[in-house]
Amino acid sequence: MASGKTHLAVGAAVGLTVALADQKKHKVSHHPGTGIALGALFGKVPDILEPSLGNPHHRQFCHSILVLTTLGFGLKQMYDWHPDDGVQKCLRGLGLIAGCAYVSHLLCDAATPRSLPVLGKLG
């Protein structure tokens, strides 16, 4: 089972990778530290929204296959977007970093025996 430290490390690595790849594609400079910090944060967001608190069944909507699929679709749209100005390029890059780090959390959890619920409960 992926621990909080694993989600931080994987999110940070994903954030750095996306920041560097986006810099190469769109010629917008994302500081590597920004990619690492934002990736680490968003790599933990599902557990911030739905903390385990010792409950092995804490994975609900924010940890669901529906959210994973929706994020995947949104990330593809964001990846294909060709921004017109520097602010939009920056927002695009930050969105890609955050979204990919969140997805990394879900993929790590999906690889565990408990996996992810299809929909989960809200609240």
PDB file of N, CA and C in Angstrom:
ATOM      1  N   MET A   1       0.846  -1.177   0.000  1.00  0.00           N
ATOM      2  CA  MET A   1       0.000   0.000   0.000  1.00  0.00           C
ATOM      3  C   MET A   1       0.893   1.242   0.000  1.00  0.00           C
ATOM      4  N   ALA A   2       0.510   2.205  -0.820  1.00  0.00           N
ATOM      5  CA  ALA A   2       1.293   3.435  -0.915  1.00  0.00           C
ATOM      6  C   ALA A   2       1.076   4.289   0.326  1.00  0.00           C
ATOM      7  N   SER A   3       2.167   4.745   0.899  1.00  0.00           N
ATOM      8  CA  SER A   3       2.093   5.581   2.099  1.00  0.00           C
ATOM      9  C   SER A   3       2.053   7.056   1.695  1.00  0.00           C
ATOM     10  N   GLY A   4       1.847   7.907   2.694  1.00  0.00           N
ATOM     11  CA  GLY A   4       1.856   9.345   2.443  1.00  0.00           C
ATOM     12  C   GLY A   4       3.179   9.811   1.869  1.00  0.00           C
ATOM     13  N   LYS A   5       4.280   9.235   2.368  1.00  0.00           N
ATOM     14  CA  LYS A   5       5.602   9.606   1.851  1.00  0.00           C
ATOM     15  C   LYS A   5       5.756   9.178   0.392  1.00  0.00           C
ATOM     16  N   THR A   6       5.199   8.016   0.050  1.00  0.00           N
ATOM     17  CA  THR A   6       5.261   7.556  -1.337  1.00  0.00           C
ATOM     18  C   THR A   6       4.499   8.505  -2.244  1.00  0.00           C
ATOM     19  N   HIS A   7       3.291   8.912  -1.819  1.00  0.00           N
ATOM     20  CA  HIS A   7       2.500   9.843  -2.631  1.00  0.00           C
ATOM     21  C   HIS A   7       3.217  11.182  -2.800  1.00  0.00           C
ATOM     22  N   LEU A   8       3.873  11.666  -1.746  1.00  0.00           N
ATOM     23  CA  LEU A   8       4.643  12.908  -1.857  1.00  0.00           C
ATOM     24  C   LEU A   8       5.788  12.760  -2.860  1.00  0.00           C
ATOM     25  N   ALA A   9       6.528  11.661  -2.741  1.00  0.00           N
ATOM     26  CA  ALA A   9       7.694  11.455  -3.607  1.00  0.00           C
ATOM     27  C   ALA A   9       7.285  11.260  -5.070  1.00  0.00           C
ATOM     28  N   VAL A  10       6.272  10.438  -5.287  1.00  0.00           N
ATOM     29  CA  VAL A  10       5.815  10.202  -6.663  1.00  0.00           C
ATOM     30  C   VAL A  10       5.234  11.489  -7.245  1.00  0.00           C
ATOM     31  N   GLY A  11       4.427  12.200  -6.469  1.00  0.00           N
ATOM     32  CA  GLY A  11       3.857  13.470  -6.937  1.00  0.00           C
ATOM     33  C   GLY A  11       4.936  14.480  -7.282  1.00  0.00           C
ATOM     34  N   ALA A  12       5.964  14.564  -6.440  1.00  0.00           N
ATOM     35  CA  ALA A  12       7.071  15.493  -6.705  1.00  0.00           C
ATOM     36  C   ALA A  12       7.814  15.118  -7.986  1.00  0.00           C
ATOM     37  N   ALA A  13       8.065  13.826  -8.175  1.00  0.00           N
ATOM     38  CA  ALA A  13       8.758  13.371  -9.388  1.00  0.00           C
ATOM     39  C   ALA A  13       7.912  13.644 -10.632  1.00  0.00           C
ATOM     40  N   VAL A  14       6.617  13.390 -10.532  1.00  0.00           N
ATOM     41  CA  VAL A  14       5.719  13.662 -11.660  1.00  0.00           C
ATOM     42  C   VAL A  14       5.678  15.166 -11.934  1.00  0.00           C
ATOM     43  N   GLY A  15       5.576  15.980 -10.891  1.00  0.00           N
ATOM     44  CA  GLY A  15       5.544  17.431 -11.061  1.00  0.00           C
ATOM     45  C   GLY A  15       6.782  17.960 -11.753  1.00  0.00           C
ATOM     46  N   LEU A  16       7.943  17.478 -11.341  1.00  0.00           N
ATOM     47  CA  LEU A  16       9.194  17.901 -11.974  1.00  0.00           C
ATOM     48  C   LEU A  16       9.228  17.483 -13.439  1.00  0.00           C
ATOM     49  N   THR A  17       8.840  16.253 -13.712  1.00  0.00           N
ATOM     50  CA  THR A  17       8.852  15.737 -15.083  1.00  0.00           C
ATOM     51  C   THR A  17       7.918  16.533 -15.987  1.00  0.00           C
ATOM     52  N   VAL A  18       6.707  16.800 -15.509  1.00  0.00           N
ATOM     53  CA  VAL A  18       5.739  17.563 -16.311  1.00  0.00           C
ATOM     54  C   VAL A  18       6.233  18.997 -16.526  1.00  0.00           C
ATOM     55  N   ALA A  19       6.804  19.606 -15.489  1.00  0.00           N
ATOM     56  CA  ALA A  19       7.313  20.977 -15.622  1.00  0.00           C
ATOM     57  C   ALA A  19       8.403  21.055 -16.690  1.00  0.00           C
ATOM     58  N   LEU A  20       9.307  20.097 -16.667  1.00  0.00           N
ATOM     59  CA  LEU A  20      10.395  20.106 -17.649  1.00  0.00           C
ATOM     60  C   LEU A  20       9.885  19.799 -19.054  1.00  0.00           C
ATOM     61  N   ALA A  21       8.934  18.870 -19.166  1.00  0.00           N
ATOM     62  CA  ALA A  21       8.377  18.530 -20.481  1.00  0.00           C
ATOM     63  C   ALA A  21       7.577  19.692 -21.052  1.00  0.00           C
ATOM     64  N   ASP A  22       6.796  20.377 -20.204  1.00  0.00           N
ATOM     65  CA  ASP A  22       6.002  21.506 -20.674  1.00  0.00           C
ATOM     66  C   ASP A  22       6.906  22.662 -21.082  1.00  0.00           C
ATOM     67  N   GLN A  23       8.000  22.840 -20.367  1.00  0.00           N
ATOM     68  CA  GLN A  23       8.966  23.892 -20.703  1.00  0.00           C
ATOM     69  C   GLN A  23       9.521  23.639 -22.106  1.00  0.00           C
ATOM     70  N   LYS A  24       9.773  22.377 -22.402  1.00  0.00           N
ATOM     71  CA  LYS A  24      10.328  22.031 -23.707  1.00  0.00           C
ATOM     72  C   LYS A  24       9.290  22.220 -24.819  1.00  0.00           C
ATOM     73  N   LYS A  25       8.018  21.851 -24.551  1.00  0.00           N
ATOM     74  CA  LYS A  25       6.978  21.924 -25.577  1.00  0.00           C
ATOM     75  C   LYS A  25       6.528  23.353 -25.841  1.00  0.00           C
ATOM     76  N   HIS A  26       6.284  24.140 -24.794  1.00  0.00           N
ATOM     77  CA  HIS A  26       5.671  25.453 -24.965  1.00  0.00           C
ATOM     78  C   HIS A  26       6.602  26.618 -24.678  1.00  0.00           C
ATOM     79  N   LYS A  27       7.850  26.338 -24.459  1.00  0.00           N
ATOM     80  CA  LYS A  27       8.840  27.395 -24.228  1.00  0.00           C
ATOM     81  C   LYS A  27       8.427  28.337 -23.102  1.00  0.00           C
ATOM     82  N   VAL A  28       7.760  27.777 -22.079  1.00  0.00           N
ATOM     83  CA  VAL A  28       7.424  28.562 -20.900  1.00  0.00           C
ATOM     84  C   VAL A  28       8.266  28.006 -19.762  1.00  0.00           C
ATOM     85  N   SER A  29       8.840  28.883 -18.997  1.00  0.00           N
ATOM     86  CA  SER A  29       9.765  28.455 -17.961  1.00  0.00           C
ATOM     87  C   SER A  29       9.030  28.209 -16.640  1.00  0.00           C
ATOM     88  N   HIS A  30       8.958  26.948 -16.258  1.00  0.00           N
ATOM     89  CA  HIS A  30       8.443  26.570 -14.942  1.00  0.00           C
ATOM     90  C   HIS A  30       9.662  26.248 -14.084  1.00  0.00           C
ATOM     91  N   HIS A  31       9.784  26.902 -12.981  1.00  0.00           N
ATOM     92  CA  HIS A  31      10.903  26.612 -12.094  1.00  0.00           C
ATOM     93  C   HIS A  31      10.772  25.160 -11.623  1.00  0.00           C
ATOM     94  N   PRO A  32      11.848  24.378 -11.675  1.00  0.00           N
ATOM     95  CA  PRO A  32      11.763  22.987 -11.232  1.00  0.00           C
ATOM     96  C   PRO A  32      11.223  22.849  -9.805  1.00  0.00           C
ATOM     97  N   GLY A  33      11.565  23.810  -8.939  1.00  0.00           N
ATOM     98  CA  GLY A  33      11.062  23.774  -7.565  1.00  0.00           C
ATOM     99  C   GLY A  33       9.553  23.905  -7.509  1.00  0.00           C
ATOM    100  N   THR A  34       8.985  24.684  -8.431  1.00  0.00           N
ATOM    101  CA  THR A  34       7.528  24.820  -8.497  1.00  0.00           C
ATOM    102  C   THR A  34       6.898  23.496  -8.883  1.00  0.00           C
ATOM    103  N   GLY A  35       7.478  22.824  -9.858  1.00  0.00           N
ATOM    104  CA  GLY A  35       6.971  21.513 -10.273  1.00  0.00           C
ATOM    105  C   GLY A  35       7.031  20.497  -9.141  1.00  0.00           C
ATOM    106  N   ILE A  36       8.136  20.500  -8.408  1.00  0.00           N
ATOM    107  CA  ILE A  36       8.300  19.559  -7.294  1.00  0.00           C
ATOM    108  C   ILE A  36       7.294  19.868  -6.189  1.00  0.00           C
ATOM    109  N   ALA A  37       7.198  21.137  -5.789  1.00  0.00           N
ATOM    110  CA  ALA A  37       6.307  21.508  -4.682  1.00  0.00           C
ATOM    111  C   ALA A  37       4.839  21.282  -5.037  1.00  0.00           C
ATOM    112  N   LEU A  38       4.425  21.735  -6.224  1.00  0.00           N
ATOM    113  CA  LEU A  38       3.033  21.562  -6.633  1.00  0.00           C
ATOM    114  C   LEU A  38       2.706  20.082  -6.835  1.00  0.00           C
ATOM    115  N   GLY A  39       3.653  19.340  -7.393  1.00  0.00           N
ATOM    116  CA  GLY A  39       3.454  17.900  -7.584  1.00  0.00           C
ATOM    117  C   GLY A  39       3.318  17.174  -6.258  1.00  0.00           C
ATOM    118  N   ALA A  40       4.163  17.512  -5.298  1.00  0.00           N
ATOM    119  CA  ALA A  40       4.084  16.876  -3.978  1.00  0.00           C
ATOM    120  C   ALA A  40       2.744  17.191  -3.309  1.00  0.00           C
ATOM    121  N   LEU A  41       2.316  18.447  -3.399  1.00  0.00           N
ATOM    122  CA  LEU A  41       1.039  18.844  -2.807  1.00  0.00           C
ATOM    123  C   LEU A  41      -0.123  18.086  -3.444  1.00  0.00           C
ATOM    124  N   PHE A  42      -0.207  18.132  -4.767  1.00  0.00           N
ATOM    125  CA  PHE A  42      -1.338  17.490  -5.437  1.00  0.00           C
ATOM    126  C   PHE A  42      -1.233  15.974  -5.441  1.00  0.00           C
ATOM    127  N   GLY A  43      -0.047  15.441  -5.184  1.00  0.00           N
ATOM    128  CA  GLY A  43       0.085  14.005  -4.982  1.00  0.00           C
ATOM    129  C   GLY A  43      -0.557  13.549  -3.687  1.00  0.00           C
ATOM    130  N   LYS A  44      -0.810  14.483  -2.767  1.00  0.00           N
ATOM    131  CA  LYS A  44      -1.455  14.188  -1.483  1.00  0.00           C
ATOM    132  C   LYS A  44      -2.912  14.634  -1.418  1.00  0.00           C
ATOM    133  N   VAL A  45      -3.385  15.413  -2.369  1.00  0.00           N
ATOM    134  CA  VAL A  45      -4.725  15.995  -2.298  1.00  0.00           C
ATOM    135  C   VAL A  45      -5.838  14.959  -2.086  1.00  0.00           C
ATOM    136  N   PRO A  46      -5.845  13.816  -2.767  1.00  0.00           N
ATOM    137  CA  PRO A  46      -6.938  12.876  -2.504  1.00  0.00           C
ATOM    138  C   PRO A  46      -7.031  12.462  -1.034  1.00  0.00           C
ATOM    139  N   ASP A  47      -5.884  12.288  -0.369  1.00  0.00           N
ATOM    140  CA  ASP A  47      -5.903  11.921   1.054  1.00  0.00           C
ATOM    141  C   ASP A  47      -6.196  13.116   1.959  1.00  0.00           C
ATOM    142  N   ILE A  48      -6.004  14.322   1.466  1.00  0.00           N
ATOM    143  CA  ILE A  48      -6.405  15.511   2.220  1.00  0.00           C
ATOM    144  C   ILE A  48      -7.928  15.634   2.161  1.00  0.00           C
ATOM    145  N   LEU A  49      -8.494  15.380   0.987  1.00  0.00           N
ATOM    146  CA  LEU A  49      -9.945  15.456   0.817  1.00  0.00           C
ATOM    147  C   LEU A  49     -10.671  14.297   1.507  1.00  0.00           C
ATOM    148  N   GLU A  50     -10.048  13.130   1.486  1.00  0.00           N
ATOM    149  CA  GLU A  50     -10.634  11.932   2.098  1.00  0.00           C
ATOM    150  C   GLU A  50      -9.571  11.237   2.959  1.00  0.00           C
ATOM    151  N   PRO A  51      -9.312  11.773   4.151  1.00  0.00           N
ATOM    152  CA  PRO A  51      -8.273  11.175   5.001  1.00  0.00           C
ATOM    153  C   PRO A  51      -8.672   9.784   5.473  1.00  0.00           C
ATOM    154  N   SER A  52      -7.676   8.921   5.633  1.00  0.00           N
ATOM    155  CA  SER A  52      -7.973   7.541   6.028  1.00  0.00           C
ATOM    156  C   SER A  52      -8.413   7.450   7.489  1.00  0.00           C
ATOM    157  N   LEU A  53      -7.787   8.212   8.382  1.00  0.00           N
ATOM    158  CA  LEU A  53      -8.127   8.184   9.809  1.00  0.00           C
ATOM    159  C   LEU A  53      -8.254   6.752  10.332  1.00  0.00           C
ATOM    160  N   GLY A  54      -7.373   5.884   9.846  1.00  0.00           N
ATOM    161  CA  GLY A  54      -7.370   4.490  10.288  1.00  0.00           C
ATOM    162  C   GLY A  54      -8.430   3.627   9.630  1.00  0.00           C
ATOM    163  N   ASN A  55      -9.214   4.202   8.720  1.00  0.00           N
ATOM    164  CA  ASN A  55     -10.277   3.458   8.048  1.00  0.00           C
ATOM    165  C   ASN A  55      -9.776   2.968   6.693  1.00  0.00           C
ATOM    166  N   PRO A  56      -9.677   1.661   6.497  1.00  0.00           N
ATOM    167  CA  PRO A  56      -9.187   1.156   5.212  1.00  0.00           C
ATOM    168  C   PRO A  56     -10.168   1.381   4.060  1.00  0.00           C
ATOM    169  N   HIS A  57     -11.393   1.788   4.373  1.00  0.00           N
ATOM    170  CA  HIS A  57     -12.400   2.021   3.329  1.00  0.00           C
ATOM    171  C   HIS A  57     -12.609   3.514   3.075  1.00  0.00           C
ATOM    172  N   HIS A  58     -11.564   4.321   3.296  1.00  0.00           N
ATOM    173  CA  HIS A  58     -11.712   5.770   3.123  1.00  0.00           C
ATOM    174  C   HIS A  58     -11.784   6.182   1.655  1.00  0.00           C
ATOM    175  N   ARG A  59     -11.386   5.333   0.764  1.00  0.00           N
ATOM    176  CA  ARG A  59     -11.378   5.695  -0.652  1.00  0.00           C
ATOM    177  C   ARG A  59     -12.809   5.753  -1.173  1.00  0.00           C
ATOM    178  N   GLN A  60     -13.235   6.954  -1.467  1.00  0.00           N
ATOM    179  CA  GLN A  60     -14.583   7.151  -1.986  1.00  0.00           C
ATOM    180  C   GLN A  60     -14.491   7.960  -3.277  1.00  0.00           C
ATOM    181  N   PHE A  61     -15.332   8.955  -3.457  1.00  0.00           N
ATOM    182  CA  PHE A  61     -15.433   9.678  -4.721  1.00  0.00           C
ATOM    183  C   PHE A  61     -14.103  10.280  -5.184  1.00  0.00           C
ATOM    184  N   CYS A  62     -13.382  10.949  -4.290  1.00  0.00           N
ATOM    185  CA  CYS A  62     -12.124  11.611  -4.675  1.00  0.00           C
ATOM    186  C   CYS A  62     -11.025  10.620  -5.048  1.00  0.00           C
ATOM    187  N   HIS A  63     -11.250   9.331  -4.744  1.00  0.00           N
ATOM    188  CA  HIS A  63     -10.320   8.258  -5.079  1.00  0.00           C
ATOM    189  C   HIS A  63     -10.922   7.319  -6.136  1.00  0.00           C
ATOM    190  N   SER A  64     -11.908   7.766  -6.880  1.00  0.00           N
ATOM    191  CA  SER A  64     -12.664   6.856  -7.739  1.00  0.00           C
ATOM    192  C   SER A  64     -12.149   6.784  -9.170  1.00  0.00           C
ATOM    193  N   ILE A  65     -12.569   5.732  -9.836  1.00  0.00           N
ATOM    194  CA  ILE A  65     -12.248   5.558 -11.253  1.00  0.00           C
ATOM    195  C   ILE A  65     -12.915   6.658 -12.077  1.00  0.00           C
ATOM    196  N   LEU A  66     -14.090   7.111 -11.639  1.00  0.00           N
ATOM    197  CA  LEU A  66     -14.764   8.215 -12.335  1.00  0.00           C
ATOM    198  C   LEU A  66     -13.909   9.480 -12.316  1.00  0.00           C
ATOM    199  N   VAL A  67     -13.339   9.809 -11.160  1.00  0.00           N
ATOM    200  CA  VAL A  67     -12.474  10.996 -11.053  1.00  0.00           C
ATOM    201  C   VAL A  67     -11.209  10.785 -11.889  1.00  0.00           C
ATOM    202  N   LEU A  68     -10.634   9.597 -11.848  1.00  0.00           N
ATOM    203  CA  LEU A  68      -9.443   9.294 -12.642  1.00  0.00           C
ATOM    204  C   LEU A  68      -9.726   9.477 -14.134  1.00  0.00           C
ATOM    205  N   THR A  69     -10.847   8.965 -14.595  1.00  0.00           N
ATOM    206  CA  THR A  69     -11.223   9.080 -16.007  1.00  0.00           C
ATOM    207  C   THR A  69     -11.475  10.539 -16.400  1.00  0.00           C
ATOM    208  N   THR A  70     -12.184  11.258 -15.547  1.00  0.00           N
ATOM    209  CA  THR A  70     -12.477  12.666 -15.816  1.00  0.00           C
ATOM    210  C   THR A  70     -11.192  13.494 -15.865  1.00  0.00           C
ATOM    211  N   LEU A  71     -10.294  13.244 -14.927  1.00  0.00           N
ATOM    212  CA  LEU A  71      -9.005  13.948 -14.935  1.00  0.00           C
ATOM    213  C   LEU A  71      -8.209  13.610 -16.191  1.00  0.00           C
ATOM    214  N   GLY A  72      -8.221  12.348 -16.579  1.00  0.00           N
ATOM    215  CA  GLY A  72      -7.509  11.949 -17.793  1.00  0.00           C
ATOM    216  C   GLY A  72      -8.024  12.693 -19.013  1.00  0.00           C
ATOM    217  N   PHE A  73      -9.349  12.796 -19.139  1.00  0.00           N
ATOM    218  CA  PHE A  73      -9.948  13.528 -20.254  1.00  0.00           C
ATOM    219  C   PHE A  73      -9.567  15.007 -20.192  1.00  0.00           C
ATOM    220  N   GLY A  74      -9.685  15.605 -19.015  1.00  0.00           N
ATOM    221  CA  GLY A  74      -9.342  17.020 -18.852  1.00  0.00           C
ATOM    222  C   GLY A  74      -7.873  17.306 -19.133  1.00  0.00           C
ATOM    223  N   LEU A  75      -7.004  16.405 -18.689  1.00  0.00           N
ATOM    224  CA  LEU A  75      -5.570  16.584 -18.932  1.00  0.00           C
ATOM    225  C   LEU A  75      -5.244  16.495 -20.426  1.00  0.00           C
ATOM    226  N   LYS A  76      -5.929  15.617 -21.138  1.00  0.00           N
ATOM    227  CA  LYS A  76      -5.711  15.516 -22.589  1.00  0.00           C
ATOM    228  C   LYS A  76      -6.122  16.820 -23.272  1.00  0.00           C
ATOM    229  N   GLN A  77      -7.263  17.389 -22.847  1.00  0.00           N
ATOM    230  CA  GLN A  77      -7.711  18.658 -23.418  1.00  0.00           C
ATOM    231  C   GLN A  77      -6.707  19.776 -23.109  1.00  0.00           C
ATOM    232  N   MET A  78      -6.208  19.792 -21.873  1.00  0.00           N
ATOM    233  CA  MET A  78      -5.249  20.816 -21.466  1.00  0.00           C
ATOM    234  C   MET A  78      -3.926  20.645 -22.223  1.00  0.00           C
ATOM    235  N   TYR A  79      -3.507  19.403 -22.413  1.00  0.00           N
ATOM    236  CA  TYR A  79      -2.263  19.131 -23.141  1.00  0.00           C
ATOM    237  C   TYR A  79      -2.354  19.629 -24.583  1.00  0.00           C
ATOM    238  N   ASP A  80      -3.517  19.441 -25.193  1.00  0.00           N
ATOM    239  CA  ASP A  80      -3.700  19.846 -26.593  1.00  0.00           C
ATOM    240  C   ASP A  80      -3.937  21.345 -26.768  1.00  0.00           C
ATOM    241  N   TRP A  81      -4.209  22.048 -25.688  1.00  0.00           N
ATOM    242  CA  TRP A  81      -4.473  23.487 -25.741  1.00  0.00           C
ATOM    243  C   TRP A  81      -3.200  24.230 -26.119  1.00  0.00           C
ATOM    244  N   HIS A  82      -3.312  25.168 -27.028  1.00  0.00           N
ATOM    245  CA  HIS A  82      -2.181  26.006 -27.444  1.00  0.00           C
ATOM    246  C   HIS A  82      -2.459  27.438 -27.005  1.00  0.00           C
ATOM    247  N   PRO A  83      -2.002  27.809 -25.806  1.00  0.00           N
ATOM    248  CA  PRO A  83      -2.285  29.145 -25.259  1.00  0.00           C
ATOM    249  C   PRO A  83      -1.700  30.259 -26.118  1.00  0.00           C
ATOM    250  N   ASP A  84      -2.358  31.420 -25.994  1.00  0.00           N
ATOM    251  CA  ASP A  84      -1.947  32.581 -26.784  1.00  0.00           C
ATOM    252  C   ASP A  84      -0.903  33.454 -26.094  1.00  0.00           C
ATOM    253  N   ASP A  85      -0.947  33.518 -24.758  1.00  0.00           N
ATOM    254  CA  ASP A  85      -0.027  34.424 -24.069  1.00  0.00           C
ATOM    255  C   ASP A  85       0.675  33.709 -22.912  1.00  0.00           C
ATOM    256  N   GLY A  86       1.591  34.417 -22.307  1.00  0.00           N
ATOM    257  CA  GLY A  86       2.418  33.853 -21.249  1.00  0.00           C
ATOM    258  C   GLY A  86       1.639  33.423 -20.020  1.00  0.00           C
ATOM    259  N   VAL A  87       0.608  34.187 -19.645  1.00  0.00           N
ATOM    260  CA  VAL A  87      -0.196  33.839 -18.472  1.00  0.00           C
ATOM    261  C   VAL A  87      -0.933  32.525 -18.717  1.00  0.00           C
ATOM    262  N   GLN A  88      -1.530  32.403 -19.897  1.00  0.00           N
ATOM    263  CA  GLN A  88      -2.236  31.169 -20.229  1.00  0.00           C
ATOM    264  C   GLN A  88      -1.279  29.983 -20.289  1.00  0.00           C
ATOM    265  N   LYS A  89      -0.080  30.193 -20.814  1.00  0.00           N
ATOM    266  CA  LYS A  89       0.912  29.121 -20.865  1.00  0.00           C
ATOM    267  C   LYS A  89       1.288  28.673 -19.457  1.00  0.00           C
ATOM    268  N   CYS A  90       1.443  29.639 -18.568  1.00  0.00           N
ATOM    269  CA  CYS A  90       1.787  29.328 -17.184  1.00  0.00           C
ATOM    270  C   CYS A  90       0.654  28.554 -16.511  1.00  0.00           C
ATOM    271  N   LEU A  91      -0.587  29.010 -16.681  1.00  0.00           N
ATOM    272  CA  LEU A  91      -1.737  28.321 -16.095  1.00  0.00           C
ATOM    273  C   LEU A  91      -1.892  26.915 -16.655  1.00  0.00           C
ATOM    274  N   ARG A  92      -1.650  26.764 -17.950  1.00  0.00           N
ATOM    275  CA  ARG A  92      -1.708  25.449 -18.574  1.00  0.00           C
ATOM    276  C   ARG A  92      -0.697  24.510 -17.927  1.00  0.00           C
ATOM    277  N   GLY A  93       0.524  24.993 -17.761  1.00  0.00           N
ATOM    278  CA  GLY A  93       1.576  24.171 -17.160  1.00  0.00           C
ATOM    279  C   GLY A  93       1.271  23.798 -15.720  1.00  0.00           C
ATOM    280  N   LEU A  94       0.795  24.774 -14.939  1.00  0.00           N
ATOM    281  CA  LEU A  94       0.461  24.495 -13.543  1.00  0.00           C
ATOM    282  C   LEU A  94      -0.702  23.505 -13.447  1.00  0.00           C
ATOM    283  N   GLY A  95      -1.679  23.623 -14.343  1.00  0.00           N
ATOM    284  CA  GLY A  95      -2.796  22.680 -14.368  1.00  0.00           C
ATOM    285  C   GLY A  95      -2.345  21.278 -14.720  1.00  0.00           C
ATOM    286  N   LEU A  96      -1.429  21.181 -15.669  1.00  0.00           N
ATOM    287  CA  LEU A  96      -0.899  19.862 -16.041  1.00  0.00           C
ATOM    288  C   LEU A  96      -0.126  19.234 -14.880  1.00  0.00           C
ATOM    289  N   ILE A  97       0.690  20.028 -14.212  1.00  0.00           N
ATOM    290  CA  ILE A  97       1.454  19.516 -13.071  1.00  0.00           C
ATOM    291  C   ILE A  97       0.505  19.012 -11.985  1.00  0.00           C
ATOM    292  N   ALA A  98      -0.463  19.851 -11.602  1.00  0.00           N
ATOM    293  CA  ALA A  98      -1.399  19.491 -10.535  1.00  0.00           C
ATOM    294  C   ALA A  98      -2.226  18.265 -10.913  1.00  0.00           C
ATOM    295  N   GLY A  99      -2.770  18.265 -12.124  1.00  0.00           N
ATOM    296  CA  GLY A  99      -3.606  17.142 -12.554  1.00  0.00           C
ATOM    297  C   GLY A  99      -2.844  15.839 -12.656  1.00  0.00           C
ATOM    298  N   CYS A 100      -1.650  15.887 -13.204  1.00  0.00           N
ATOM    299  CA  CYS A 100      -0.847  14.664 -13.330  1.00  0.00           C
ATOM    300  C   CYS A 100      -0.419  14.130 -11.961  1.00  0.00           C
ATOM    301  N   ALA A 101      -0.127  15.014 -11.024  1.00  0.00           N
ATOM    302  CA  ALA A 101       0.246  14.569  -9.677  1.00  0.00           C
ATOM    303  C   ALA A 101      -0.945  13.908  -8.984  1.00  0.00           C
ATOM    304  N   TYR A 102      -2.143  14.479  -9.139  1.00  0.00           N
ATOM    305  CA  TYR A 102      -3.356  13.871  -8.568  1.00  0.00           C
ATOM    306  C   TYR A 102      -3.560  12.486  -9.176  1.00  0.00           C
ATOM    307  N   VAL A 103      -3.409  12.381 -10.498  1.00  0.00           N
ATOM    308  CA  VAL A 103      -3.550  11.093 -11.177  1.00  0.00           C
ATOM    309  C   VAL A 103      -2.508  10.101 -10.661  1.00  0.00           C
ATOM    310  N   SER A 104      -1.297  10.567 -10.370  1.00  0.00           N
ATOM    311  CA  SER A 104      -0.266   9.654  -9.859  1.00  0.00           C
ATOM    312  C   SER A 104      -0.705   9.022  -8.542  1.00  0.00           C
ATOM    313  N   HIS A 105      -1.379   9.794  -7.696  1.00  0.00           N
ATOM    314  CA  HIS A 105      -1.895   9.268  -6.428  1.00  0.00           C
ATOM    315  C   HIS A 105      -2.912   8.159  -6.712  1.00  0.00           C
ATOM    316  N   LEU A 106      -3.840   8.440  -7.616  1.00  0.00           N
ATOM    317  CA  LEU A 106      -4.871   7.452  -7.919  1.00  0.00           C
ATOM    318  C   LEU A 106      -4.273   6.187  -8.533  1.00  0.00           C
ATOM    319  N   LEU A 107      -3.283   6.331  -9.390  1.00  0.00           N
ATOM    320  CA  LEU A 107      -2.658   5.159  -9.995  1.00  0.00           C
ATOM    321  C   LEU A 107      -1.891   4.327  -8.966  1.00  0.00           C
ATOM    322  N   CYS A 108      -1.226   4.995  -8.032  1.00  0.00           N
ATOM    323  CA  CYS A 108      -0.548   4.261  -6.954  1.00  0.00           C
ATOM    324  C   CYS A 108      -1.568   3.480  -6.121  1.00  0.00           C
ATOM    325  N   ASP A 109      -2.683   4.109  -5.787  1.00  0.00           N
ATOM    326  CA  ASP A 109      -3.714   3.432  -5.009  1.00  0.00           C
ATOM    327  C   ASP A 109      -4.389   2.322  -5.809  1.00  0.00           C
ATOM    328  N   ALA A 110      -4.543   2.519  -7.111  1.00  0.00           N
ATOM    329  CA  ALA A 110      -5.171   1.499  -7.949  1.00  0.00           C
ATOM    330  C   ALA A 110      -4.338   0.227  -8.007  1.00  0.00           C
ATOM    331  N   ALA A 111      -3.039   0.361  -7.785  1.00  0.00           N
ATOM    332  CA  ALA A 111      -2.141  -0.796  -7.844  1.00  0.00           C
ATOM    333  C   ALA A 111      -2.150  -1.619  -6.552  1.00  0.00           C
ATOM    334  N   THR A 112      -2.916  -1.209  -5.551  1.00  0.00           N
ATOM    335  CA  THR A 112      -2.998  -1.941  -4.295  1.00  0.00           C
ATOM    336  C   THR A 112      -4.133  -2.961  -4.368  1.00  0.00           C
ATOM    337  N   PRO A 113      -4.135  -3.942  -3.466  1.00  0.00           N
ATOM    338  CA  PRO A 113      -5.218  -4.940  -3.476  1.00  0.00           C
ATOM    339  C   PRO A 113      -6.615  -4.328  -3.329  1.00  0.00           C
ATOM    340  N   ARG A 114      -6.763  -3.245  -2.578  1.00  0.00           N
ATOM    341  CA  ARG A 114      -8.077  -2.619  -2.383  1.00  0.00           C
ATOM    342  C   ARG A 114      -8.496  -1.811  -3.605  1.00  0.00           C
ATOM    343  N   SER A 115      -7.558  -1.370  -4.437  1.00  0.00           N
ATOM    344  CA  SER A 115      -7.774  -0.629  -5.661  1.00  0.00           C
ATOM    345  C   SER A 115      -8.628   0.628  -5.442  1.00  0.00           C
ATOM    346  N   LEU A 116      -9.435   0.996  -6.427  1.00  0.00           N
ATOM    347  CA  LEU A 116     -10.268   2.199  -6.377  1.00  0.00           C
ATOM    348  C   LEU A 116     -11.727   1.822  -6.589  1.00  0.00           C
ATOM    349  N   PRO A 117     -12.651   2.546  -5.945  1.00  0.00           N
ATOM    350  CA  PRO A 117     -14.067   2.315  -6.251  1.00  0.00           C
ATOM    351  C   PRO A 117     -14.395   2.911  -7.610  1.00  0.00           C
ATOM    352  N   VAL A 118     -15.430   2.395  -8.244  1.00  0.00           N
ATOM    353  CA  VAL A 118     -15.846   2.933  -9.534  1.00  0.00           C
ATOM    354  C   VAL A 118     -16.383   4.347  -9.354  1.00  0.00           C
ATOM    355  N   LEU A 119     -17.243   4.562  -8.367  1.00  0.00           N
ATOM    356  CA  LEU A 119     -17.840   5.876  -8.135  1.00  0.00           C
ATOM    357  C   LEU A 119     -17.572   6.394  -6.733  1.00  0.00           C
ATOM    358  N   GLY A 120     -17.769   5.581  -5.710  1.00  0.00           N
ATOM    359  CA  GLY A 120     -17.583   6.011  -4.334  1.00  0.00           C
ATOM    360  C   GLY A 120     -18.710   6.910  -3.869  1.00  0.00           C
ATOM    361  N   LYS A 121     -18.681   7.236  -2.604  1.00  0.00           N
ATOM    362  CA  LYS A 121     -19.700   8.100  -2.016  1.00  0.00           C
ATOM    363  C   LYS A 121     -19.177   9.521  -1.929  1.00  0.00           C
ATOM    364  N   LEU A 122     -20.084  10.471  -2.032  1.00  0.00           N
ATOM    365  CA  LEU A 122     -19.740  11.874  -1.793  1.00  0.00           C
ATOM    366  C   LEU A 122     -19.948  12.191  -0.336  1.00  0.00           C
ATOM    367  N   GLY A 123     -19.006  12.904   0.246  1.00  0.00           N
ATOM    368  CA  GLY A 123     -19.174  13.369   1.640  1.00  0.00           C
ATOM    369  C   GLY A 123     -18.790  12.429   2.697  1.00  0.00           C
TER     370      GLY A 123
END
